[in-house]
Amino acid sequence: MWAGIARRCLVSIPVCLAASLLVFFLLEAAPGEPVQYLSDPEASAEAAREQAGVFGYFDPMPVRLWRWIENTITFDFGRSILDGRPVRDKVFEALPHTLLLSGVSLILGFALGIAIALISAWRPRGALDLFISASGVAIASVPVFWMGTWAVAWFAAEWKWFPTGGDVAIDAMVEPGWHAADRIYHLILPAGILILVTSVQVARFTRAALLATLREEFIQSARARGASRARVLLGHALPASLHSTVALFGLSIPWLIGGSAVVEYIFNYPGTGRLFIEAMKRRDYPVVCAAVIMLSFMAVLGNALADALAIRFDPRAEDRPNV
């Protein structure tokens, strides 16, 4: 099992490098001059261009490309162009916030999605199942950025139930007793949106797997032996369907890390998503390079975890071709 996972991780290395090169050329093709983000508003144009030249903005394109590849391979991203701080420090400061937001959303989203799938599969094609399916399609059709904007406008700005952004209030930072509670309070809205989106996807996926399993012969045999509906669904169908759901868990990691960037930006949450979006807007190349490598690594890690979980629940998956 581990040999197969290691082999797939090695195959993914060129994919990560290709993704990094693609981002480099997209940044090169983007309109605008990076000088406007580097200079002091009161500085002269000559001083601004000299400052940009220090960071290599006006080096020949092959030189900049080689520097980008070298940073990608060595994981040495240097210093941020905007504030001069080491990129690693900025990433490692923001990463725990993103891991907290994504981890809570992933675990609770999957738990809620499986529960919704069980309710839907209890009576397929019933009124409750049709209502849940229609609601899931409607929620999945709403863009995450629109959902986040609406949540800020109503729940935070209009009704003032939750804070409009950030991760902790200034008052709570100086009061240790309220620090953890205030972090949870700030986490409710952004995590709630990601939990809702994740649970809808998991519910649709798990429901389809449950309905397919309920048509298997061993389910019919269990019913013939007099097993109750709850025992058939929870004791037989759900364990047999979980191998595909846990594989989806691994594949959801890179999606959630990337999808949380939009939510972090909307709620001004100090995670890697907001850091990288700001870097893309202001063409902070070292931070963008670090972002691409991190997201590519999360995608590889998620696929490896999905393979491991699939093999754990169904050993036959180890012999299947990796498509």
Protein backbone atom coordinates (compact mmCIF):
# COMPACT_ATOMS: atom_id res chain seq x y z
CA MET A 1 0.00 0.00 0.00
CA TRP A 2 2.68 2.49 1.04
CA ALA A 3 4.77 1.71 -2.03
CA GLY A 4 1.83 2.55 -4.27
CA ILE A 5 1.17 5.80 -2.43
CA ALA A 6 4.85 6.78 -2.62
CA ARG A 7 4.87 6.03 -6.33
CA ARG A 8 1.86 8.25 -6.92
CA CYS A 9 3.45 11.06 -4.90
CA LEU A 10 6.59 10.86 -7.04
CA VAL A 11 4.51 11.01 -10.20
CA SER A 12 2.83 14.14 -8.83
CA ILE A 13 6.11 16.07 -8.54
CA PRO A 14 6.12 17.08 -12.25
CA VAL A 15 2.50 18.14 -11.85
CA CYS A 16 3.45 20.52 -9.01
CA LEU A 17 6.30 21.94 -11.08
CA ALA A 18 4.00 22.41 -14.09
CA ALA A 19 1.44 24.22 -11.92
CA SER A 20 4.17 26.52 -10.63
CA LEU A 21 5.36 27.34 -14.17
CA LEU A 22 1.79 28.00 -15.29
CA VAL A 23 1.30 30.55 -12.50
CA PHE A 24 4.59 32.22 -13.40
CA PHE A 25 3.54 32.79 -17.01
CA LEU A 26 0.08 33.96 -15.94
CA LEU A 27 1.68 36.55 -13.67
CA GLU A 28 3.98 37.62 -16.49
CA ALA A 29 1.00 38.09 -18.81
CA ALA A 30 -1.04 40.03 -16.22
CA PRO A 31 -1.45 43.73 -17.02
CA GLY A 32 -0.08 46.47 -14.81
CA GLU A 33 3.27 47.50 -13.43
CA PRO A 34 4.42 46.10 -10.06
CA VAL A 35 6.18 49.40 -9.42
CA GLN A 36 2.92 50.93 -8.19
CA TYR A 37 2.79 48.47 -5.29
CA LEU A 38 6.39 48.90 -4.23
CA SER A 39 6.94 52.61 -4.12
CA ASP A 40 6.18 55.22 -1.53
CA PRO A 41 3.32 57.42 -2.86
CA GLU A 42 5.55 60.44 -2.39
CA ALA A 43 8.61 58.88 -4.02
CA SER A 44 9.70 59.79 -7.54
CA ALA A 45 9.24 57.45 -10.49
CA GLU A 46 12.99 56.91 -10.67
CA ALA A 47 13.16 55.87 -7.02
CA ALA A 48 10.22 53.50 -7.50
CA ARG A 49 11.84 51.82 -10.50
CA GLU A 50 15.13 51.54 -8.64
CA GLN A 51 13.34 49.86 -5.76
CA ALA A 52 11.66 47.44 -8.18
CA GLY A 53 15.02 46.70 -9.79
CA VAL A 54 16.42 45.61 -6.43
CA PHE A 55 13.88 42.78 -6.41
CA GLY A 56 14.72 41.76 -9.96
CA TYR A 57 11.54 42.94 -11.66
CA PHE A 58 13.48 44.26 -14.64
CA ASP A 59 15.78 41.27 -15.08
CA PRO A 60 15.39 39.36 -18.36
CA MET A 61 12.50 36.92 -18.38
CA PRO A 62 14.75 33.78 -18.50
CA VAL A 63 16.53 35.03 -15.37
CA ARG A 64 13.27 35.56 -13.53
CA LEU A 65 12.01 32.16 -14.70
CA TRP A 66 15.12 30.42 -13.41
CA ARG A 67 14.81 32.24 -10.08
CA TRP A 68 11.19 31.07 -9.85
CA ILE A 69 12.15 27.44 -10.62
CA GLU A 70 14.98 27.60 -8.10
CA ASN A 71 12.62 28.86 -5.40
CA THR A 72 10.15 26.11 -6.29
CA ILE A 73 12.72 23.33 -6.04
CA THR A 74 14.57 24.55 -2.93
CA PHE A 75 11.52 25.85 -1.02
CA ASP A 76 13.57 28.97 -0.31
CA PHE A 77 11.21 31.79 -1.23
CA GLY A 78 13.29 34.61 0.20
CA ARG A 79 11.58 37.75 1.45
CA SER A 80 8.26 39.34 0.64
CA ILE A 81 8.53 42.23 -1.77
CA LEU A 82 5.84 44.23 0.00
CA ASP A 83 7.23 44.33 3.55
CA GLY A 84 10.62 42.59 3.37
CA ARG A 85 9.67 39.86 5.83
CA PRO A 86 10.70 36.23 5.19
CA VAL A 87 8.02 34.46 3.21
CA ARG A 88 8.24 31.37 5.40
CA ASP A 89 7.45 33.46 8.49
CA LYS A 90 4.39 34.99 6.84
CA VAL A 91 3.13 31.61 5.63
CA PHE A 92 3.68 29.83 8.95
CA GLU A 93 1.92 32.66 10.80
CA ALA A 94 -1.15 32.36 8.58
CA LEU A 95 -1.18 28.57 8.12
CA PRO A 96 -2.57 27.64 11.59
CA HIS A 97 -5.60 29.86 10.99
CA THR A 98 -6.33 28.16 7.67
CA LEU A 99 -5.80 24.68 9.11
CA LEU A 100 -8.20 25.48 11.95
CA LEU A 101 -10.86 26.86 9.61
CA SER A 102 -10.48 24.08 7.04
CA GLY A 103 -10.15 21.30 9.61
CA VAL A 104 -13.30 22.27 11.50
CA SER A 105 -15.20 22.70 8.23
CA LEU A 106 -14.01 19.37 6.86
CA ILE A 107 -14.83 17.28 9.94
CA LEU A 108 -18.19 18.89 10.73
CA GLY A 109 -19.12 19.10 7.04
CA PHE A 110 -18.57 15.37 6.54
CA ALA A 111 -20.39 14.46 9.75
CA LEU A 112 -23.38 16.60 8.77
CA GLY A 113 -23.31 15.36 5.17
CA ILE A 114 -23.36 11.69 6.21
CA ALA A 115 -26.24 12.38 8.61
CA ILE A 116 -28.22 14.13 5.86
CA ALA A 117 -27.52 11.25 3.46
CA LEU A 118 -28.85 8.75 5.99
CA ILE A 119 -32.03 10.78 6.42
CA SER A 120 -32.49 10.94 2.64
CA ALA A 121 -31.85 7.22 2.17
CA TRP A 122 -34.29 6.30 4.94
CA ARG A 123 -37.19 6.70 2.53
CA PRO A 124 -35.87 7.23 -1.01
CA ARG A 125 -38.06 9.36 -3.25
CA GLY A 126 -40.11 10.40 -0.25
CA ALA A 127 -41.14 13.96 0.50
CA LEU A 128 -38.21 14.58 2.85
CA ASP A 129 -35.72 13.08 0.40
CA LEU A 130 -37.01 15.24 -2.44
CA PHE A 131 -36.89 18.35 -0.26
CA ILE A 132 -33.30 17.62 0.83
CA SER A 133 -32.22 16.92 -2.75
CA ALA A 134 -33.81 20.12 -4.06
CA SER A 135 -32.27 22.16 -1.23
CA GLY A 136 -28.87 20.63 -1.92
CA VAL A 137 -29.03 21.54 -5.61
CA ALA A 138 -30.04 25.10 -4.72
CA ILE A 139 -27.21 25.52 -2.20
CA ALA A 140 -24.63 23.99 -4.56
CA SER A 141 -25.69 26.48 -7.25
CA VAL A 142 -24.89 29.51 -5.09
CA PRO A 143 -21.29 30.78 -5.47
CA VAL A 144 -19.30 30.77 -2.25
CA PHE A 145 -18.32 34.43 -2.60
CA TRP A 146 -21.97 35.47 -2.93
CA MET A 147 -22.93 33.37 0.08
CA GLY A 148 -20.15 34.94 2.14
CA THR A 149 -21.04 38.46 1.06
CA TRP A 150 -24.68 37.89 1.93
CA ALA A 151 -23.72 36.47 5.34
CA VAL A 152 -21.56 39.50 6.14
CA ALA A 153 -24.25 41.92 4.98
CA TRP A 154 -27.06 40.39 6.99
CA PHE A 155 -25.75 38.34 9.93
CA ALA A 156 -22.87 40.71 10.73
CA ALA A 157 -23.61 44.22 9.43
CA GLU A 158 -27.44 44.32 9.54
CA TRP A 159 -28.39 42.07 12.46
CA LYS A 160 -25.01 42.27 14.28
CA TRP A 161 -25.19 38.65 15.42
CA PHE A 162 -21.57 37.95 14.47
CA PRO A 163 -18.42 40.01 13.83
CA THR A 164 -17.82 41.22 10.30
CA GLY A 165 -14.30 39.79 10.12
CA GLY A 166 -11.02 38.99 11.77
CA ASP A 167 -10.16 36.10 14.05
CA VAL A 168 -10.25 37.69 17.51
CA ALA A 169 -11.30 41.03 18.97
CA ILE A 170 -8.71 43.35 20.48
CA ASP A 171 -10.40 43.25 23.89
CA ALA A 172 -10.32 39.45 23.95
CA MET A 173 -6.59 39.41 23.17
CA VAL A 174 -5.80 40.99 26.53
CA GLU A 175 -8.26 38.82 28.47
CA PRO A 176 -7.08 35.19 28.42
CA GLY A 177 -10.40 33.88 29.67
CA TRP A 178 -12.23 35.19 26.61
CA HIS A 179 -9.55 34.53 24.01
CA ALA A 180 -10.60 31.00 22.96
CA ALA A 181 -14.32 31.79 23.14
CA ASP A 182 -13.89 34.88 20.99
CA ARG A 183 -11.93 32.92 18.38
CA ILE A 184 -14.79 30.43 18.15
CA TYR A 185 -17.24 33.33 17.89
CA HIS A 186 -15.29 34.79 14.94
CA LEU A 187 -15.06 31.34 13.36
CA ILE A 188 -18.80 30.63 13.25
CA LEU A 189 -19.70 32.51 10.06
CA PRO A 190 -16.77 31.54 7.80
CA ALA A 191 -16.75 27.96 9.04
CA GLY A 192 -20.53 27.76 8.78
CA ILE A 193 -20.42 28.59 5.07
CA LEU A 194 -17.73 26.00 4.36
CA ILE A 195 -19.55 23.40 6.47
CA LEU A 196 -22.75 24.04 4.54
CA VAL A 197 -21.08 23.71 1.14
CA THR A 198 -19.10 20.63 2.17
CA SER A 199 -22.08 18.87 3.73
CA VAL A 200 -24.17 19.33 0.58
CA GLN A 201 -21.52 17.68 -1.58
CA VAL A 202 -20.92 14.87 0.89
CA ALA A 203 -24.66 14.25 1.31
CA ARG A 204 -25.25 13.90 -2.43
CA PHE A 205 -22.24 11.61 -2.85
CA THR A 206 -23.05 9.41 0.17
CA ARG A 207 -26.73 9.20 -0.68
CA ALA A 208 -25.93 7.84 -4.15
CA ALA A 209 -23.52 5.30 -2.64
CA LEU A 210 -26.12 4.23 -0.05
CA LEU A 211 -28.86 3.75 -2.64
CA ALA A 212 -26.53 1.67 -4.80
CA THR A 213 -25.57 -0.47 -1.79
CA LEU A 214 -29.20 -0.96 -0.77
CA ARG A 215 -29.74 -2.81 -4.07
CA GLU A 216 -27.00 -5.35 -3.35
CA GLU A 217 -27.82 -9.00 -2.68
CA PHE A 218 -26.46 -9.04 0.89
CA ILE A 219 -28.87 -6.23 1.78
CA GLN A 220 -31.78 -8.25 0.44
CA SER A 221 -30.55 -11.22 2.47
CA ALA A 222 -30.43 -9.10 5.63
CA ARG A 223 -33.98 -7.95 5.03
CA ALA A 224 -35.10 -11.51 4.44
CA ARG A 225 -33.64 -12.50 7.82
CA GLY A 226 -35.88 -9.89 9.45
CA ALA A 227 -33.38 -7.07 10.03
CA SER A 228 -35.02 -3.75 10.81
CA ARG A 229 -34.74 -0.75 8.50
CA ALA A 230 -32.37 1.01 10.90
CA ARG A 231 -30.11 -2.05 11.21
CA VAL A 232 -30.01 -2.52 7.45
CA LEU A 233 -29.14 1.12 6.84
CA LEU A 234 -26.72 1.72 9.73
CA GLY A 235 -25.29 -1.76 10.25
CA HIS A 236 -24.97 -3.01 6.66
CA ALA A 237 -25.40 -0.32 4.00
CA LEU A 238 -23.44 2.51 5.65
CA PRO A 239 -20.23 0.54 6.40
CA ALA A 240 -20.28 -0.89 2.87
CA SER A 241 -20.64 2.60 1.38
CA LEU A 242 -18.05 4.41 3.49
CA HIS A 243 -15.03 3.40 1.38
CA SER A 244 -16.06 5.86 -1.32
CA THR A 245 -16.98 8.57 1.18
CA VAL A 246 -13.64 8.40 3.01
CA ALA A 247 -11.88 8.61 -0.35
CA LEU A 248 -13.83 11.82 -0.95
CA PHE A 249 -12.51 13.04 2.42
CA GLY A 250 -8.94 12.98 1.14
CA LEU A 251 -9.86 14.56 -2.17
CA SER A 252 -11.70 17.36 -0.35
CA ILE A 253 -8.57 18.57 1.46
CA PRO A 254 -7.05 20.55 -1.45
CA TRP A 255 -10.49 21.81 -2.49
CA LEU A 256 -11.22 23.07 1.01
CA ILE A 257 -7.80 24.68 1.41
CA GLY A 258 -8.27 26.51 -1.89
CA GLY A 259 -11.98 27.21 -1.40
CA SER A 260 -11.39 28.71 2.02
CA ALA A 261 -9.28 31.44 0.37
CA VAL A 262 -12.41 33.20 -0.89
CA VAL A 263 -14.08 32.94 2.51
CA GLU A 264 -10.96 34.19 4.27
CA TYR A 265 -10.77 37.18 1.97
CA ILE A 266 -14.44 38.08 2.44
CA PHE A 267 -14.26 37.80 6.24
CA ASN A 268 -10.77 39.33 6.49
CA TYR A 269 -9.66 36.13 8.19
CA PRO A 270 -5.86 36.07 8.66
CA GLY A 271 -5.21 32.78 6.91
CA THR A 272 -3.08 31.75 3.97
CA GLY A 273 -5.96 32.29 1.56
CA ARG A 274 -6.18 36.01 2.26
CA LEU A 275 -2.39 36.26 2.27
CA PHE A 276 -2.12 34.68 -1.17
CA ILE A 277 -4.96 36.64 -2.72
CA GLU A 278 -3.33 39.86 -1.57
CA ALA A 279 -0.02 38.64 -2.98
CA MET A 280 -1.64 37.87 -6.34
CA LYS A 281 -3.27 41.30 -6.47
CA ARG A 282 -0.04 43.09 -5.62
CA ARG A 283 2.24 40.72 -7.56
CA ASP A 284 4.34 39.69 -4.60
CA TYR A 285 6.09 36.92 -6.53
CA PRO A 286 7.86 35.10 -3.64
CA VAL A 287 4.60 34.75 -1.68
CA VAL A 288 2.70 33.62 -4.79
CA CYS A 289 5.37 30.98 -5.48
CA ALA A 290 5.02 29.71 -1.90
CA ALA A 291 1.23 29.61 -2.35
CA VAL A 292 1.43 27.48 -5.48
CA ILE A 293 3.81 25.01 -3.88
CA MET A 294 1.71 24.73 -0.74
CA LEU A 295 -1.57 24.20 -2.62
CA SER A 296 0.08 21.68 -4.95
CA PHE A 297 1.48 19.83 -1.95
CA MET A 298 -1.96 19.77 -0.31
CA ALA A 299 -3.43 18.35 -3.51
CA VAL A 300 -0.80 15.59 -3.60
CA LEU A 301 -1.31 14.90 0.12
CA GLY A 302 -5.07 14.78 -0.34
CA ASN A 303 -4.82 12.30 -3.21
CA ALA A 304 -2.39 10.12 -1.25
CA LEU A 305 -4.71 10.19 1.77
CA ALA A 306 -7.67 9.32 -0.44
CA ASP A 307 -5.77 6.32 -1.84
CA ALA A 308 -4.75 5.17 1.65
CA LEU A 309 -8.29 5.44 3.00
CA ALA A 310 -9.75 3.68 -0.04
CA ILE A 311 -7.28 0.79 0.35
CA ARG A 312 -7.95 0.65 4.09
CA PHE A 313 -11.68 0.18 3.57
CA ASP A 314 -11.42 -1.84 0.34
CA PRO A 315 -8.08 -3.67 -0.24
CA ARG A 316 -9.10 -4.38 -3.83
CA ALA A 317 -8.54 -0.67 -4.60
CA GLU A 318 -4.76 -1.21 -4.41
CA ASP A 319 -4.85 -3.28 -7.60
CA ARG A 320 -6.99 -0.84 -9.56
CA PRO A 321 -5.32 1.47 -12.08
CA ASN A 322 -4.79 5.06 -10.98
CA VAL A 323 -6.94 7.03 -13.41
